[in-house]
Amino acid sequence: MKILVVYYSMYGHVLQLARAVEHGAKSVSDAVVKLRRVAELEEVLKATATNEAIVKVREMQADIPVCTLDDLRDADAVLFGTPTRYGNMTAQMKQLIDSTARLWLQGEMEGKPAGFFTSTASTHGGQETTLLTMMVPLLHLGMLIVGVPYSTEGMIHTEARGGTPYGASTIAGPRGELQPTKEDLAIATVLGQRVAAVCKKLRE
C-alpha cells in the first residue's frame, strides 16, 4: 500500500506538518510512505536567492525528491500540503495539480483517498478556505476526500492554533516566527494515519 505525502514549504512550517503526516501514515501496517516536495518556481528562486531564512529551509529539503506524475500515478493515497496564499493553495502546488491532465483522462487517480494540510500567517488567514478549495480539483480527479473527525483529541479548542475538520493546519505568524504546536503536529499525525487506514480498508 503506497502512501504519498506531497507538499510545498517556503519557511518550513508545512514541512514540519508533512513530517508528522508521514509519521502517522507509517504507523498503519502495510503502508509504504513516500515524501515528495513540489518544485519551486524559477521566479521565486531568483527573488529569494538572498533571503537567508528561505535559502536555509530550501537546503533542508534538498534531499527530498520533487514530486512527479509517476509518483501520483503509483500512489494508492495522497496527502497534499501547502501554505496559504490569499485563502488558496500556492501557485507551486496548483501547478502540480494542473499538470495532471493525463492522469485525469485515464482515470488514474479515481478512488484514491486524499487528505490536506496547510499553514497561515494569522488565525483567520484562510486555513479553511485553502483546505476546502484544494479539494475541488481532487474531486474532478475522482479522489475520495478524508478529513479529521472531531473525535480526534485537540480538535475542539479556542486557542490560536490549527486543527480543522477539513485537514491539519498551523499558524506560522506574520514573520514566520511561530512553530507548529504539539497539538497541531498531533492532528497532522492523525490525518496521515487516517488516510492510510482508509486506504487500507478500501484495498481490503
Protein backbone atom coordinates (compact mmCIF):
# COMPACT_ATOMS: atom_id res chain seq x y z
CA MET A 1 0.00 0.00 0.00
CA LYS A 2 1.69 3.17 -1.23
CA ILE A 3 1.00 6.46 0.53
CA LEU A 4 2.34 9.68 -1.00
CA VAL A 5 2.86 12.85 1.06
CA VAL A 6 3.46 15.77 -1.31
CA TYR A 7 3.95 19.30 -0.03
CA TYR A 8 5.32 22.78 -0.71
CA SER A 9 7.06 24.72 2.06
CA MET A 10 8.92 28.02 1.87
CA TYR A 11 9.52 28.73 5.57
CA GLY A 12 9.44 25.18 6.94
CA HIS A 13 6.09 25.09 8.71
CA VAL A 14 4.36 22.88 6.15
CA LEU A 15 7.48 20.70 6.05
CA GLN A 16 7.03 20.04 9.78
CA LEU A 17 3.38 19.14 9.22
CA ALA A 18 4.41 16.89 6.33
CA ARG A 19 6.82 15.01 8.58
CA ALA A 20 4.05 14.50 11.14
CA VAL A 21 1.66 13.32 8.42
CA GLU A 22 4.35 10.96 7.16
CA HIS A 23 4.83 9.58 10.68
CA GLY A 24 1.12 8.98 11.07
CA ALA A 25 0.80 7.20 7.74
CA LYS A 26 3.76 4.97 8.56
CA SER A 27 2.03 3.81 11.74
CA VAL A 28 -0.51 1.87 9.68
CA SER A 29 0.56 -1.66 8.85
CA ASP A 30 1.46 -2.39 5.22
CA ALA A 31 1.90 1.33 4.49
CA VAL A 32 4.92 2.33 2.43
CA VAL A 33 5.18 6.12 2.63
CA LYS A 34 6.96 8.42 0.18
CA LEU A 35 7.67 12.09 0.95
CA ARG A 36 7.89 14.40 -2.06
CA ARG A 37 8.18 18.16 -2.42
CA VAL A 38 6.67 20.40 -5.08
CA ALA A 39 9.10 22.07 -7.47
CA GLU A 40 9.87 25.73 -6.82
CA LEU A 41 9.12 28.35 -9.48
CA GLU A 42 12.15 29.91 -11.18
CA GLU A 43 10.84 33.41 -10.42
CA VAL A 44 10.68 32.59 -6.71
CA LEU A 45 14.16 31.06 -6.72
CA LYS A 46 15.56 34.28 -8.16
CA ALA A 47 13.53 36.59 -5.91
CA THR A 48 14.53 34.78 -2.71
CA ALA A 49 18.15 33.95 -3.56
CA THR A 50 19.48 36.37 -0.92
CA ASN A 51 16.93 35.58 1.80
CA GLU A 52 18.96 33.55 4.28
CA ALA A 53 15.98 32.07 6.11
CA ILE A 54 14.30 30.84 2.93
CA VAL A 55 17.56 29.53 1.47
CA LYS A 56 18.22 27.60 4.70
CA VAL A 57 14.80 25.94 4.57
CA ARG A 58 15.30 25.16 0.89
CA GLU A 59 18.62 23.48 1.67
CA MET A 60 16.93 21.42 4.40
CA GLN A 61 14.70 19.91 1.71
CA ALA A 62 17.35 19.34 -0.94
CA ASP A 63 17.42 15.57 -0.41
CA ILE A 64 13.64 15.21 -0.77
CA PRO A 65 12.78 14.33 -4.39
CA VAL A 66 10.45 16.54 -6.42
CA CYS A 67 7.02 15.01 -6.99
CA THR A 68 6.36 13.61 -10.47
CA LEU A 69 3.23 12.41 -12.24
CA ASP A 70 4.53 8.87 -11.78
CA ASP A 71 4.59 9.43 -8.01
CA LEU A 72 0.92 10.42 -8.15
CA ARG A 73 0.06 7.59 -10.54
CA ASP A 74 1.72 4.92 -8.39
CA ALA A 75 0.24 6.10 -5.08
CA ASP A 76 -2.77 4.40 -3.51
CA ALA A 77 -3.49 7.54 -1.42
CA VAL A 78 -2.12 11.08 -1.40
CA LEU A 79 -1.81 13.80 1.23
CA PHE A 80 -1.29 17.34 -0.09
CA GLY A 81 0.26 20.15 1.96
CA THR A 82 0.70 23.82 1.09
CA PRO A 83 0.91 27.22 2.75
CA THR A 84 -1.97 29.61 2.16
CA ARG A 85 -1.83 32.40 -0.40
CA TYR A 86 -4.83 34.71 -0.12
CA GLY A 87 -7.06 31.89 1.12
CA ASN A 88 -5.95 29.43 -1.53
CA MET A 89 -3.16 26.97 -2.29
CA THR A 90 0.18 28.23 -3.58
CA ALA A 91 0.88 28.58 -7.29
CA GLN A 92 3.54 25.89 -6.90
CA MET A 93 1.00 23.32 -5.67
CA LYS A 94 -1.58 24.44 -8.23
CA GLN A 95 0.99 23.95 -10.98
CA LEU A 96 1.47 20.33 -9.92
CA ILE A 97 -2.26 19.68 -9.82
CA ASP A 98 -2.77 21.45 -13.16
CA SER A 99 -0.22 19.10 -14.73
CA THR A 100 -2.36 16.01 -14.03
CA ALA A 101 -4.49 16.15 -17.21
CA ARG A 102 -3.10 12.82 -18.43
CA LEU A 103 -3.98 11.17 -15.13
CA TRP A 104 -7.48 12.67 -15.29
CA LEU A 105 -8.07 11.46 -18.85
CA GLN A 106 -7.12 7.91 -17.89
CA GLY A 107 -8.95 7.99 -14.55
CA GLU A 108 -5.72 7.07 -12.78
CA MET A 109 -6.49 8.97 -9.57
CA GLU A 110 -10.05 7.76 -9.18
CA GLY A 111 -10.96 6.07 -5.92
CA LYS A 112 -7.78 7.11 -4.11
CA PRO A 113 -8.14 8.73 -0.66
CA ALA A 114 -6.80 12.28 -0.34
CA GLY A 115 -6.02 14.41 2.72
CA PHE A 116 -4.90 18.03 3.10
CA PHE A 117 -2.82 20.24 5.39
CA THR A 118 -1.83 23.90 5.40
CA SER A 119 -0.37 26.85 7.31
CA THR A 120 -1.34 30.51 7.51
CA ALA A 121 0.29 33.64 8.90
CA SER A 122 -2.67 34.52 11.09
CA THR A 123 -5.56 32.89 12.92
CA HIS A 124 -8.07 33.90 10.23
CA GLY A 125 -5.63 33.75 7.34
CA GLY A 126 -7.58 31.29 5.22
CA GLN A 127 -6.83 27.85 6.63
CA GLU A 128 -10.31 26.52 5.97
CA THR A 129 -10.75 28.14 2.54
CA THR A 130 -7.39 26.78 1.42
CA LEU A 131 -8.21 23.25 2.53
CA LEU A 132 -11.69 23.40 1.00
CA THR A 133 -10.59 24.83 -2.33
CA MET A 134 -7.79 22.26 -2.58
CA MET A 135 -10.48 19.59 -2.56
CA VAL A 136 -12.17 20.87 -5.74
CA PRO A 137 -9.62 19.73 -8.37
CA LEU A 138 -9.11 16.46 -6.49
CA LEU A 139 -12.84 15.77 -6.75
CA HIS A 140 -12.52 16.33 -10.50
CA LEU A 141 -9.79 13.69 -10.48
CA GLY A 142 -12.17 11.30 -8.72
CA MET A 143 -10.31 11.15 -5.42
CA LEU A 144 -12.02 10.43 -2.09
CA ILE A 145 -11.76 13.22 0.48
CA VAL A 146 -10.67 12.31 4.02
CA GLY A 147 -10.85 14.88 6.83
CA VAL A 148 -10.20 14.95 10.56
CA PRO A 149 -13.16 13.99 12.80
CA TYR A 150 -13.98 15.89 15.97
CA SER A 151 -13.38 12.70 17.95
CA THR A 152 -9.67 13.48 17.43
CA GLU A 153 -8.09 14.82 20.61
CA GLY A 154 -7.38 18.54 20.45
CA MET A 155 -9.87 19.35 17.71
CA ILE A 156 -12.29 21.28 19.91
CA HIS A 157 -10.43 24.30 21.25
CA THR A 158 -10.49 28.09 21.44
CA GLU A 159 -6.74 28.63 21.23
CA ALA A 160 -4.86 30.45 18.47
CA ARG A 161 -3.63 27.33 16.71
CA GLY A 162 -4.60 24.99 13.89
CA GLY A 163 -6.80 21.93 13.53
CA THR A 164 -9.88 21.82 11.28
CA PRO A 165 -12.23 19.05 10.13
CA TYR A 166 -11.04 19.77 6.58
CA GLY A 167 -7.43 18.93 7.34
CA ALA A 168 -4.45 19.63 9.58
CA SER A 169 -3.15 23.18 9.93
CA THR A 170 -0.91 25.54 11.87
CA ILE A 171 -0.30 29.27 12.36
CA ALA A 172 3.13 30.49 11.25
CA GLY A 173 2.93 34.13 12.36
CA PRO A 174 3.28 37.24 10.16
CA ARG A 175 7.06 36.83 10.01
CA GLY A 176 7.11 33.04 10.18
CA GLU A 177 8.25 33.32 13.79
CA LEU A 178 5.86 30.74 15.23
CA GLN A 179 6.29 26.98 15.11
CA PRO A 180 3.59 24.28 14.89
CA THR A 181 2.29 23.42 18.34
CA LYS A 182 2.41 19.87 19.64
CA GLU A 183 -1.36 19.75 19.16
CA ASP A 184 -1.04 20.84 15.52
CA LEU A 185 1.53 18.13 14.88
CA ALA A 186 -0.58 15.55 16.70
CA ILE A 187 -3.58 16.33 14.48
CA ALA A 188 -1.35 16.13 11.40
CA THR A 189 -0.20 12.71 12.59
CA VAL A 190 -3.82 11.60 12.95
CA LEU A 191 -4.57 12.85 9.44
CA GLY A 192 -1.76 10.75 7.96
CA GLN A 193 -2.86 7.74 9.97
CA ARG A 194 -6.50 8.21 8.98
CA VAL A 195 -5.82 8.50 5.24
CA ALA A 196 -3.61 5.39 5.32
CA ALA A 197 -6.21 3.47 7.36
CA VAL A 198 -9.00 4.43 4.94
CA CYS A 199 -6.80 3.37 2.03
CA LYS A 200 -6.15 0.02 3.67
CA LYS A 201 -9.86 -0.61 4.24
CA LEU A 202 -10.64 0.24 0.62
CA ARG A 203 -7.97 -2.16 -0.64
CA GLU A 204 -9.30 -4.93 1.60
